[in-house]
Amino acid sequence: VFIATDMNLYSDVRHTGWYKHPDWFAVVGVDRLYEQQ
């Protein structure tokens, strides 16, 4: 489980500079740490 608060969320590989800044979001089924480290 990865949980983020006020973190940039990049969603479009065609526009790598575009991002949103959710107040809170959670991702399940992903490593808690990036590349497990």
PDB file of all heavy atoms in Angstrom:
ATOM      1  N   VAL A   1       0.845  -1.189   0.000  1.00  0.00           N
ATOM      2  CA  VAL A   1       0.000   0.000   0.000  1.00  0.00           C
ATOM      3  C   VAL A   1       0.881   1.240   0.000  1.00  0.00           C
ATOM      4  O   VAL A   1       1.812   1.361   0.796  1.00  0.00           O
ATOM      5  CB  VAL A   1      -0.922   0.030   1.234  1.00  0.00           C
ATOM      6  CG1 VAL A   1      -1.737   1.324   1.268  1.00  0.00           C
ATOM      7  CG2 VAL A   1      -1.848  -1.170   1.241  1.00  0.00           C
ATOM      8  N   PHE A   2       0.585   2.155  -0.908  1.00  0.00           N
ATOM      9  CA  PHE A   2       1.279   3.448  -0.938  1.00  0.00           C
ATOM     10  C   PHE A   2       0.252   4.554  -0.731  1.00  0.00           C
ATOM     11  O   PHE A   2      -0.770   4.596  -1.409  1.00  0.00           O
ATOM     12  CB  PHE A   2       2.010   3.660  -2.260  1.00  0.00           C
ATOM     13  CG  PHE A   2       2.622   5.032  -2.375  1.00  0.00           C
ATOM     14  CD1 PHE A   2       3.685   5.397  -1.567  1.00  0.00           C
ATOM     15  CD2 PHE A   2       2.119   5.967  -3.272  1.00  0.00           C
ATOM     16  CE1 PHE A   2       4.243   6.666  -1.650  1.00  0.00           C
ATOM     17  CE2 PHE A   2       2.665   7.242  -3.363  1.00  0.00           C
ATOM     18  CZ  PHE A   2       3.733   7.577  -2.552  1.00  0.00           C
ATOM     19  N   ILE A   3       0.541   5.429   0.220  1.00  0.00           N
ATOM     20  CA  ILE A   3      -0.361   6.533   0.558  1.00  0.00           C
ATOM     21  C   ILE A   3       0.398   7.840   0.391  1.00  0.00           C
ATOM     22  O   ILE A   3       1.560   7.946   0.798  1.00  0.00           O
ATOM     23  CB  ILE A   3      -0.872   6.404   2.007  1.00  0.00           C
ATOM     24  CG1 ILE A   3      -1.580   5.071   2.212  1.00  0.00           C
ATOM     25  CG2 ILE A   3      -1.796   7.562   2.363  1.00  0.00           C
ATOM     26  CD1 ILE A   3      -1.871   4.765   3.671  1.00  0.00           C
ATOM     27  N   ALA A   4      -0.258   8.829  -0.201  1.00  0.00           N
ATOM     28  CA  ALA A   4       0.406  10.117  -0.421  1.00  0.00           C
ATOM     29  C   ALA A   4      -0.497  11.275  -0.033  1.00  0.00           C
ATOM     30  O   ALA A   4      -1.715  11.216  -0.207  1.00  0.00           O
ATOM     31  CB  ALA A   4       0.830  10.261  -1.880  1.00  0.00           C
ATOM     32  N   THR A   5       0.130  12.314   0.485  1.00  0.00           N
ATOM     33  CA  THR A   5      -0.554  13.557   0.843  1.00  0.00           C
ATOM     34  C   THR A   5       0.157  14.716   0.170  1.00  0.00           C
ATOM     35  O   THR A   5       1.379  14.866   0.317  1.00  0.00           O
ATOM     36  CB  THR A   5      -0.537  13.756   2.374  1.00  0.00           C
ATOM     37  OG1 THR A   5      -1.242  12.682   2.997  1.00  0.00           O
ATOM     38  CG2 THR A   5      -1.193  15.074   2.755  1.00  0.00           C
ATOM     39  N   ASP A   6      -0.583  15.510  -0.591  1.00  0.00           N
ATOM     40  CA  ASP A   6       0.001  16.681  -1.260  1.00  0.00           C
ATOM     41  C   ASP A   6       1.222  16.311  -2.082  1.00  0.00           C
ATOM     42  O   ASP A   6       2.260  16.994  -2.022  1.00  0.00           O
ATOM     43  CB  ASP A   6       0.356  17.764  -0.234  1.00  0.00           C
ATOM     44  CG  ASP A   6      -0.878  18.407   0.372  1.00  0.00           C
ATOM     45  OD1 ASP A   6      -1.913  18.457  -0.320  1.00  0.00           O
ATOM     46  OD2 ASP A   6      -0.812  18.841   1.531  1.00  0.00           O
ATOM     47  N   MET A   7       1.116  15.252  -2.846  1.00  0.00           N
ATOM     48  CA  MET A   7       2.219  14.802  -3.709  1.00  0.00           C
ATOM     49  C   MET A   7       1.828  14.963  -5.169  1.00  0.00           C
ATOM     50  O   MET A   7       0.672  14.743  -5.535  1.00  0.00           O
ATOM     51  CB  MET A   7       2.565  13.335  -3.426  1.00  0.00           C
ATOM     52  CG  MET A   7       3.627  12.761  -4.345  1.00  0.00           C
ATOM     53  SD  MET A   7       4.024  11.030  -3.974  1.00  0.00           S
ATOM     54  CE  MET A   7       5.045  11.244  -2.523  1.00  0.00           C
ATOM     55  N   ASN A   8       2.781  15.335  -5.994  1.00  0.00           N
ATOM     56  CA  ASN A   8       2.514  15.454  -7.426  1.00  0.00           C
ATOM     57  C   ASN A   8       2.192  14.087  -8.023  1.00  0.00           C
ATOM     58  O   ASN A   8       2.930  13.122  -7.813  1.00  0.00           O
ATOM     59  CB  ASN A   8       3.713  16.050  -8.151  1.00  0.00           C
ATOM     60  CG  ASN A   8       3.926  17.512  -7.833  1.00  0.00           C
ATOM     61  OD1 ASN A   8       3.093  18.142  -7.175  1.00  0.00           O
ATOM     62  ND2 ASN A   8       5.033  18.069  -8.279  1.00  0.00           N
ATOM     63  N   LEU A   9       1.117  14.035  -8.780  1.00  0.00           N
ATOM     64  CA  LEU A   9       0.662  12.813  -9.432  1.00  0.00           C
ATOM     65  C   LEU A   9       0.726  13.033 -10.948  1.00  0.00           C
ATOM     66  O   LEU A   9      -0.029  13.828 -11.499  1.00  0.00           O
ATOM     67  CB  LEU A   9      -0.767  12.495  -8.980  1.00  0.00           C
ATOM     68  CG  LEU A   9      -1.504  11.346  -9.665  1.00  0.00           C
ATOM     69  CD1 LEU A   9      -0.790  10.021  -9.439  1.00  0.00           C
ATOM     70  CD2 LEU A   9      -2.947  11.268  -9.152  1.00  0.00           C
ATOM     71  N   TYR A  10       1.651  12.333 -11.596  1.00  0.00           N
ATOM     72  CA  TYR A  10       1.838  12.472 -13.042  1.00  0.00           C
ATOM     73  C   TYR A  10       1.081  11.359 -13.752  1.00  0.00           C
ATOM     74  O   TYR A  10       1.252  10.180 -13.441  1.00  0.00           O
ATOM     75  CB  TYR A  10       3.327  12.400 -13.387  1.00  0.00           C
ATOM     76  CG  TYR A  10       4.119  13.573 -12.863  1.00  0.00           C
ATOM     77  CD1 TYR A  10       4.637  13.563 -11.567  1.00  0.00           C
ATOM     78  CD2 TYR A  10       4.331  14.698 -13.651  1.00  0.00           C
ATOM     79  CE1 TYR A  10       5.357  14.644 -11.077  1.00  0.00           C
ATOM     80  CE2 TYR A  10       5.060  15.785 -13.169  1.00  0.00           C
ATOM     81  CZ  TYR A  10       5.570  15.753 -11.883  1.00  0.00           C
ATOM     82  OH  TYR A  10       6.274  16.826 -11.398  1.00  0.00           O
ATOM     83  N   SER A  11       0.265  11.743 -14.753  1.00  0.00           N
ATOM     84  CA  SER A  11      -0.668  10.779 -15.324  1.00  0.00           C
ATOM     85  C   SER A  11      -0.538  10.543 -16.815  1.00  0.00           C
ATOM     86  O   SER A  11      -1.107   9.586 -17.342  1.00  0.00           O
ATOM     87  CB  SER A  11      -2.112  11.234 -15.039  1.00  0.00           C
ATOM     88  OG  SER A  11      -2.346  12.507 -15.633  1.00  0.00           O
ATOM     89  N   ASP A  12       0.201  11.387 -17.532  1.00  0.00           N
ATOM     90  CA  ASP A  12       0.197  11.313 -18.995  1.00  0.00           C
ATOM     91  C   ASP A  12       1.625  11.307 -19.528  1.00  0.00           C
ATOM     92  O   ASP A  12       2.321  12.332 -19.468  1.00  0.00           O
ATOM     93  CB  ASP A  12      -0.595  12.495 -19.561  1.00  0.00           C
ATOM     94  CG  ASP A  12      -0.891  12.339 -21.055  1.00  0.00           C
ATOM     95  OD1 ASP A  12      -0.222  11.520 -21.708  1.00  0.00           O
ATOM     96  OD2 ASP A  12      -1.788  13.043 -21.547  1.00  0.00           O
ATOM     97  N   VAL A  13       2.073  10.173 -20.054  1.00  0.00           N
ATOM     98  CA  VAL A  13       3.440  10.061 -20.566  1.00  0.00           C
ATOM     99  C   VAL A  13       3.672  10.974 -21.768  1.00  0.00           C
ATOM    100  O   VAL A  13       4.810  11.342 -22.082  1.00  0.00           O
ATOM    101  CB  VAL A  13       3.747   8.585 -20.932  1.00  0.00           C
ATOM    102  CG1 VAL A  13       2.928   8.143 -22.138  1.00  0.00           C
ATOM    103  CG2 VAL A  13       5.231   8.386 -21.170  1.00  0.00           C
ATOM    104  N   ARG A  14       2.609  11.387 -22.445  1.00  0.00           N
ATOM    105  CA  ARG A  14       2.747  12.302 -23.593  1.00  0.00           C
ATOM    106  C   ARG A  14       2.967  13.737 -23.150  1.00  0.00           C
ATOM    107  O   ARG A  14       3.420  14.580 -23.936  1.00  0.00           O
ATOM    108  CB  ARG A  14       1.506  12.210 -24.473  1.00  0.00           C
ATOM    109  CG  ARG A  14       1.257  10.837 -25.095  1.00  0.00           C
ATOM    110  CD  ARG A  14      -0.139  10.753 -25.672  1.00  0.00           C
ATOM    111  NE  ARG A  14      -1.141  11.002 -24.637  1.00  0.00           N
ATOM    112  CZ  ARG A  14      -2.457  11.064 -24.869  1.00  0.00           C
ATOM    113  NH1 ARG A  14      -2.921  10.917 -26.107  1.00  0.00           N
ATOM    114  NH2 ARG A  14      -3.307  11.276 -23.877  1.00  0.00           N
ATOM    115  N   HIS A  15       2.604  14.031 -21.903  1.00  0.00           N
ATOM    116  CA  HIS A  15       2.779  15.373 -21.352  1.00  0.00           C
ATOM    117  C   HIS A  15       3.413  15.216 -19.971  1.00  0.00           C
ATOM    118  O   HIS A  15       2.732  15.284 -18.936  1.00  0.00           O
ATOM    119  CB  HIS A  15       1.433  16.095 -21.248  1.00  0.00           C
ATOM    120  CG  HIS A  15       0.720  16.241 -22.557  1.00  0.00           C
ATOM    121  ND1 HIS A  15       1.039  17.213 -23.479  1.00  0.00           N
ATOM    122  CD2 HIS A  15      -0.284  15.512 -23.120  1.00  0.00           C
ATOM    123  CE1 HIS A  15       0.253  17.103 -24.538  1.00  0.00           C
ATOM    124  NE2 HIS A  15      -0.552  16.075 -24.348  1.00  0.00           N
ATOM    125  N   THR A  16       4.711  15.000 -19.955  1.00  0.00           N
ATOM    126  CA  THR A  16       5.400  14.647 -18.703  1.00  0.00           C
ATOM    127  C   THR A  16       5.455  15.786 -17.695  1.00  0.00           C
ATOM    128  O   THR A  16       5.782  15.565 -16.532  1.00  0.00           O
ATOM    129  CB  THR A  16       6.826  14.169 -19.008  1.00  0.00           C
ATOM    130  OG1 THR A  16       7.526  15.195 -19.739  1.00  0.00           O
ATOM    131  CG2 THR A  16       6.793  12.891 -19.846  1.00  0.00           C
ATOM    132  N   GLY A  17       5.153  17.010 -18.144  1.00  0.00           N
ATOM    133  CA  GLY A  17       5.152  18.132 -17.209  1.00  0.00           C
ATOM    134  C   GLY A  17       3.808  18.380 -16.554  1.00  0.00           C
ATOM    135  O   GLY A  17       3.695  19.198 -15.642  1.00  0.00           O
ATOM    136  N   TRP A  18       2.785  17.670 -17.013  1.00  0.00           N
ATOM    137  CA  TRP A  18       1.459  17.851 -16.434  1.00  0.00           C
ATOM    138  C   TRP A  18       1.306  16.968 -15.195  1.00  0.00           C
ATOM    139  O   TRP A  18       1.680  15.793 -15.212  1.00  0.00           O
ATOM    140  CB  TRP A  18       0.378  17.470 -17.457  1.00  0.00           C
ATOM    141  CG  TRP A  18       0.236  18.433 -18.591  1.00  0.00           C
ATOM    142  CD1 TRP A  18       0.950  19.583 -18.795  1.00  0.00           C
ATOM    143  CD2 TRP A  18      -0.685  18.332 -19.689  1.00  0.00           C
ATOM    144  NE1 TRP A  18       0.534  20.211 -19.934  1.00  0.00           N
ATOM    145  CE2 TRP A  18      -0.456  19.479 -20.514  1.00  0.00           C
ATOM    146  CE3 TRP A  18      -1.664  17.412 -20.047  1.00  0.00           C
ATOM    147  CZ2 TRP A  18      -1.192  19.701 -21.672  1.00  0.00           C
ATOM    148  CZ3 TRP A  18      -2.397  17.644 -21.209  1.00  0.00           C
ATOM    149  CH2 TRP A  18      -2.173  18.766 -22.012  1.00  0.00           C
ATOM    150  N   TYR A  19       0.748  17.546 -14.168  1.00  0.00           N
ATOM    151  CA  TYR A  19       0.502  16.759 -12.950  1.00  0.00           C
ATOM    152  C   TYR A  19      -0.663  17.363 -12.179  1.00  0.00           C
ATOM    153  O   TYR A  19      -1.033  18.515 -12.393  1.00  0.00           O
ATOM    154  CB  TYR A  19       1.757  16.732 -12.059  1.00  0.00           C
ATOM    155  CG  TYR A  19       2.155  18.077 -11.496  1.00  0.00           C
ATOM    156  CD1 TYR A  19       1.613  18.555 -10.303  1.00  0.00           C
ATOM    157  CD2 TYR A  19       3.071  18.881 -12.169  1.00  0.00           C
ATOM    158  CE1 TYR A  19       1.974  19.792  -9.788  1.00  0.00           C
ATOM    159  CE2 TYR A  19       3.436  20.122 -11.675  1.00  0.00           C
ATOM    160  CZ  TYR A  19       2.884  20.573 -10.480  1.00  0.00           C
ATOM    161  OH  TYR A  19       3.235  21.798  -9.975  1.00  0.00           O
ATOM    162  N   LYS A  20      -1.211  16.554 -11.291  1.00  0.00           N
ATOM    163  CA  LYS A  20      -2.207  17.033 -10.336  1.00  0.00           C
ATOM    164  C   LYS A  20      -1.637  16.839  -8.932  1.00  0.00           C
ATOM    165  O   LYS A  20      -0.670  16.100  -8.731  1.00  0.00           O
ATOM    166  CB  LYS A  20      -3.534  16.289 -10.503  1.00  0.00           C
ATOM    167  CG  LYS A  20      -4.222  16.579 -11.836  1.00  0.00           C
ATOM    168  CD  LYS A  20      -4.440  18.063 -12.056  1.00  0.00           C
ATOM    169  CE  LYS A  20      -5.012  18.358 -13.440  1.00  0.00           C
ATOM    170  NZ  LYS A  20      -5.084  19.814 -13.700  1.00  0.00           N
ATOM    171  N   HIS A  21      -2.263  17.503  -7.992  1.00  0.00           N
ATOM    172  CA  HIS A  21      -1.734  17.528  -6.626  1.00  0.00           C
ATOM    173  C   HIS A  21      -2.862  17.154  -5.655  1.00  0.00           C
ATOM    174  O   HIS A  21      -3.383  18.020  -4.956  1.00  0.00           O
ATOM    175  CB  HIS A  21      -1.213  18.939  -6.338  1.00  0.00           C
ATOM    176  CG  HIS A  21      -0.214  19.030  -5.236  1.00  0.00           C
ATOM    177  ND1 HIS A  21       1.073  18.535  -5.329  1.00  0.00           N
ATOM    178  CD2 HIS A  21      -0.318  19.562  -3.996  1.00  0.00           C
ATOM    179  CE1 HIS A  21       1.711  18.778  -4.212  1.00  0.00           C
ATOM    180  NE2 HIS A  21       0.894  19.394  -3.377  1.00  0.00           N
ATOM    181  N   PRO A  22      -3.268  15.892  -5.626  1.00  0.00           N
ATOM    182  CA  PRO A  22      -4.397  15.498  -4.761  1.00  0.00           C
ATOM    183  C   PRO A  22      -4.088  15.773  -3.290  1.00  0.00           C
ATOM    184  O   PRO A  22      -2.937  15.671  -2.851  1.00  0.00           O
ATOM    185  CB  PRO A  22      -4.530  13.990  -5.023  1.00  0.00           C
ATOM    186  CG  PRO A  22      -3.796  13.741  -6.299  1.00  0.00           C
ATOM    187  CD  PRO A  22      -2.700  14.752  -6.355  1.00  0.00           C
ATOM    188  N   ASP A  23      -5.132  16.074  -2.539  1.00  0.00           N
ATOM    189  CA  ASP A  23      -4.946  16.246  -1.100  1.00  0.00           C
ATOM    190  C   ASP A  23      -4.531  14.927  -0.451  1.00  0.00           C
ATOM    191  O   ASP A  23      -3.744  14.920   0.497  1.00  0.00           O
ATOM    192  CB  ASP A  23      -6.239  16.768  -0.454  1.00  0.00           C
ATOM    193  CG  ASP A  23      -6.532  18.197  -0.860  1.00  0.00           C
ATOM    194  OD1 ASP A  23      -5.598  19.018  -0.885  1.00  0.00           O
ATOM    195  OD2 ASP A  23      -7.699  18.496  -1.175  1.00  0.00           O
ATOM    196  N   TRP A  24      -5.089  13.832  -0.972  1.00  0.00           N
ATOM    197  CA  TRP A  24      -4.772  12.505  -0.410  1.00  0.00           C
ATOM    198  C   TRP A  24      -5.122  11.448  -1.451  1.00  0.00           C
ATOM    199  O   TRP A  24      -6.155  11.548  -2.110  1.00  0.00           O
ATOM    200  CB  TRP A  24      -5.598  12.267   0.857  1.00  0.00           C
ATOM    201  CG  TRP A  24      -5.249  11.031   1.639  1.00  0.00           C
ATOM    202  CD1 TRP A  24      -4.408  10.953   2.709  1.00  0.00           C
ATOM    203  CD2 TRP A  24      -5.766   9.697   1.454  1.00  0.00           C
ATOM    204  NE1 TRP A  24      -4.353   9.657   3.184  1.00  0.00           N
ATOM    205  CE2 TRP A  24      -5.175   8.873   2.431  1.00  0.00           C
ATOM    206  CE3 TRP A  24      -6.658   9.120   0.556  1.00  0.00           C
ATOM    207  CZ2 TRP A  24      -5.451   7.514   2.538  1.00  0.00           C
ATOM    208  CZ3 TRP A  24      -6.934   7.771   0.642  1.00  0.00           C
ATOM    209  CH2 TRP A  24      -6.341   6.987   1.632  1.00  0.00           C
ATOM    210  N   PHE A  25      -4.254  10.465  -1.622  1.00  0.00           N
ATOM    211  CA  PHE A  25      -4.610   9.337  -2.478  1.00  0.00           C
ATOM    212  C   PHE A  25      -3.887   8.084  -2.024  1.00  0.00           C
ATOM    213  O   PHE A  25      -2.871   8.148  -1.319  1.00  0.00           O
ATOM    214  CB  PHE A  25      -4.341   9.630  -3.963  1.00  0.00           C
ATOM    215  CG  PHE A  25      -2.892   9.721  -4.371  1.00  0.00           C
ATOM    216  CD1 PHE A  25      -2.206   8.601  -4.826  1.00  0.00           C
ATOM    217  CD2 PHE A  25      -2.220  10.945  -4.355  1.00  0.00           C
ATOM    218  CE1 PHE A  25      -0.880   8.687  -5.235  1.00  0.00           C
ATOM    219  CE2 PHE A  25      -0.898  11.047  -4.767  1.00  0.00           C
ATOM    220  CZ  PHE A  25      -0.228   9.911  -5.206  1.00  0.00           C
ATOM    221  N   ALA A  26      -4.452   6.939  -2.396  1.00  0.00           N
ATOM    222  CA  ALA A  26      -3.876   5.656  -2.015  1.00  0.00           C
ATOM    223  C   ALA A  26      -3.831   4.734  -3.223  1.00  0.00           C
ATOM    224  O   ALA A  26      -4.751   4.717  -4.051  1.00  0.00           O
ATOM    225  CB  ALA A  26      -4.679   5.015  -0.892  1.00  0.00           C
ATOM    226  N   VAL A  27      -2.746   3.987  -3.300  1.00  0.00           N
ATOM    227  CA  VAL A  27      -2.565   2.986  -4.347  1.00  0.00           C
ATOM    228  C   VAL A  27      -2.412   1.635  -3.651  1.00  0.00           C
ATOM    229  O   VAL A  27      -1.637   1.514  -2.696  1.00  0.00           O
ATOM    230  CB  VAL A  27      -1.307   3.267  -5.192  1.00  0.00           C
ATOM    231  CG1 VAL A  27      -1.269   2.353  -6.417  1.00  0.00           C
ATOM    232  CG2 VAL A  27      -1.241   4.733  -5.609  1.00  0.00           C
ATOM    233  N   VAL A  28      -3.148   0.639  -4.105  1.00  0.00           N
ATOM    234  CA  VAL A  28      -3.035  -0.696  -3.515  1.00  0.00           C
ATOM    235  C   VAL A  28      -2.449  -1.648  -4.556  1.00  0.00           C
ATOM    236  O   VAL A  28      -2.637  -1.488  -5.753  1.00  0.00           O
ATOM    237  CB  VAL A  28      -4.400  -1.217  -3.015  1.00  0.00           C
ATOM    238  CG1 VAL A  28      -4.917  -0.359  -1.869  1.00  0.00           C
ATOM    239  CG2 VAL A  28      -5.429  -1.250  -4.141  1.00  0.00           C
ATOM    240  N   GLY A  29      -1.691  -2.633  -4.059  1.00  0.00           N
ATOM    241  CA  GLY A  29      -1.065  -3.581  -4.962  1.00  0.00           C
ATOM    242  C   GLY A  29       0.235  -3.085  -5.548  1.00  0.00           C
ATOM    243  O   GLY A  29       0.734  -3.630  -6.528  1.00  0.00           O
ATOM    244  N   VAL A  30       0.812  -2.043  -4.937  1.00  0.00           N
ATOM    245  CA  VAL A  30       2.093  -1.499  -5.391  1.00  0.00           C
ATOM    246  C   VAL A  30       3.049  -1.509  -4.202  1.00  0.00           C
ATOM    247  O   VAL A  30       2.626  -1.474  -3.048  1.00  0.00           O
ATOM    248  CB  VAL A  30       1.927  -0.062  -5.935  1.00  0.00           C
ATOM    249  CG1 VAL A  30       1.638   0.914  -4.807  1.00  0.00           C
ATOM    250  CG2 VAL A  30       3.141   0.382  -6.727  1.00  0.00           C
ATOM    251  N   ASP A  31       4.343  -1.589  -4.465  1.00  0.00           N
ATOM    252  CA  ASP A  31       5.305  -1.576  -3.366  1.00  0.00           C
ATOM    253  C   ASP A  31       5.238  -0.259  -2.602  1.00  0.00           C
ATOM    254  O   ASP A  31       5.157   0.818  -3.206  1.00  0.00           O
ATOM    255  CB  ASP A  31       6.731  -1.775  -3.899  1.00  0.00           C
ATOM    256  CG  ASP A  31       6.964  -3.191  -4.399  1.00  0.00           C
ATOM    257  OD1 ASP A  31       6.401  -4.121  -3.805  1.00  0.00           O
ATOM    258  OD2 ASP A  31       7.702  -3.353  -5.391  1.00  0.00           O
ATOM    259  N   ARG A  32       5.296  -0.351  -1.288  1.00  0.00           N
ATOM    260  CA  ARG A  32       5.255   0.856  -0.445  1.00  0.00           C
ATOM    261  C   ARG A  32       6.422   1.790  -0.772  1.00  0.00           C
ATOM    262  O   ARG A  32       6.287   3.011  -0.773  1.00  0.00           O
ATOM    263  CB  ARG A  32       5.293   0.463   1.029  1.00  0.00           C
ATOM    264  CG  ARG A  32       5.239   1.628   2.003  1.00  0.00           C
ATOM    265  CD  ARG A  32       5.172   1.122   3.429  1.00  0.00           C
ATOM    266  NE  ARG A  32       6.388   0.404   3.795  1.00  0.00           N
ATOM    267  CZ  ARG A  32       7.481   0.982   4.310  1.00  0.00           C
ATOM    268  NH1 ARG A  32       7.499   2.295   4.497  1.00  0.00           N
ATOM    269  NH2 ARG A  32       8.542   0.279   4.635  1.00  0.00           N
ATOM    270  N   LEU A  33       7.587   1.214  -1.069  1.00  0.00           N
ATOM    271  CA  LEU A  33       8.766   1.986  -1.436  1.00  0.00           C
ATOM    272  C   LEU A  33       9.021   1.870  -2.931  1.00  0.00           C
ATOM    273  O   LEU A  33       8.744   0.837  -3.534  1.00  0.00           O
ATOM    274  CB  LEU A  33       9.998   1.479  -0.674  1.00  0.00           C
ATOM    275  CG  LEU A  33       9.939   1.587   0.849  1.00  0.00           C
ATOM    276  CD1 LEU A  33      11.189   0.974   1.457  1.00  0.00           C
ATOM    277  CD2 LEU A  33       9.786   3.033   1.296  1.00  0.00           C
ATOM    278  N   TYR A  34       9.550   2.924  -3.516  1.00  0.00           N
ATOM    279  CA  TYR A  34       9.842   2.900  -4.944  1.00  0.00           C
ATOM    280  C   TYR A  34      10.959   1.900  -5.221  1.00  0.00           C
ATOM    281  O   TYR A  34      12.038   1.983  -4.624  1.00  0.00           O
ATOM    282  CB  TYR A  34      10.245   4.290  -5.428  1.00  0.00           C
ATOM    283  CG  TYR A  34      10.511   4.345  -6.917  1.00  0.00           C
ATOM    284  CD1 TYR A  34       9.485   4.110  -7.827  1.00  0.00           C
ATOM    285  CD2 TYR A  34      11.784   4.616  -7.412  1.00  0.00           C
ATOM    286  CE1 TYR A  34       9.714   4.155  -9.194  1.00  0.00           C
ATOM    287  CE2 TYR A  34      12.023   4.659  -8.782  1.00  0.00           C
ATOM    288  CZ  TYR A  34      10.980   4.423  -9.662  1.00  0.00           C
ATOM    289  OH  TYR A  34      11.204   4.446 -11.012  1.00  0.00           O
ATOM    290  N   GLU A  35      10.686   0.943  -6.106  1.00  0.00           N
ATOM    291  CA  GLU A  35      11.619  -0.136  -6.423  1.00  0.00           C
ATOM    292  C   GLU A  35      12.094  -0.840  -5.154  1.00  0.00           C
ATOM    293  O   GLU A  35      13.221  -1.315  -5.062  1.00  0.00           O
ATOM    294  CB  GLU A  35      12.804   0.393  -7.236  1.00  0.00           C
ATOM    295  CG  GLU A  35      12.391   0.925  -8.611  1.00  0.00           C
ATOM    296  CD  GLU A  35      13.558   1.367  -9.471  1.00  0.00           C
ATOM    297  OE1 GLU A  35      14.663   1.589  -8.917  1.00  0.00           O
ATOM    298  OE2 GLU A  35      13.378   1.473 -10.694  1.00  0.00           O
ATOM    299  N   GLN A  36      11.192  -0.871  -4.149  1.00  0.00           N
ATOM    300  CA  GLN A  36      11.401  -1.575  -2.885  1.00  0.00           C
ATOM    301  C   GLN A  36      12.573  -1.048  -2.062  1.00  0.00           C
ATOM    302  O   GLN A  36      13.063  -1.731  -1.164  1.00  0.00           O
ATOM    303  CB  GLN A  36      11.597  -3.080  -3.138  1.00  0.00           C
ATOM    304  CG  GLN A  36      10.411  -3.742  -3.816  1.00  0.00           C
ATOM    305  CD  GLN A  36      10.598  -5.231  -3.999  1.00  0.00           C
ATOM    306  OE1 GLN A  36      11.717  -5.735  -4.063  1.00  0.00           O
ATOM    307  NE2 GLN A  36       9.493  -5.952  -4.064  1.00  0.00           N
ATOM    308  N   GLN A  37      13.000   0.181  -2.335  1.00  0.00           N
ATOM    309  CA  GLN A  37      14.176   0.652  -1.604  1.00  0.00           C
ATOM    310  C   GLN A  37      14.199   2.138  -1.269  1.00  0.00           C
ATOM    311  O   GLN A  37      15.028   2.560  -0.466  1.00  0.00           O
ATOM    312  CB  GLN A  37      15.443   0.313  -2.397  1.00  0.00           C
ATOM    313  CG  GLN A  37      15.511   0.964  -3.765  1.00  0.00           C
ATOM    314  CD  GLN A  37      16.726   0.548  -4.555  1.00  0.00           C
ATOM    315  OE1 GLN A  37      17.619  -0.127  -4.031  1.00  0.00           O
ATOM    316  NE2 GLN A  37      16.784   0.926  -5.821  1.00  0.00           N
TER     317      GLN A  37
END
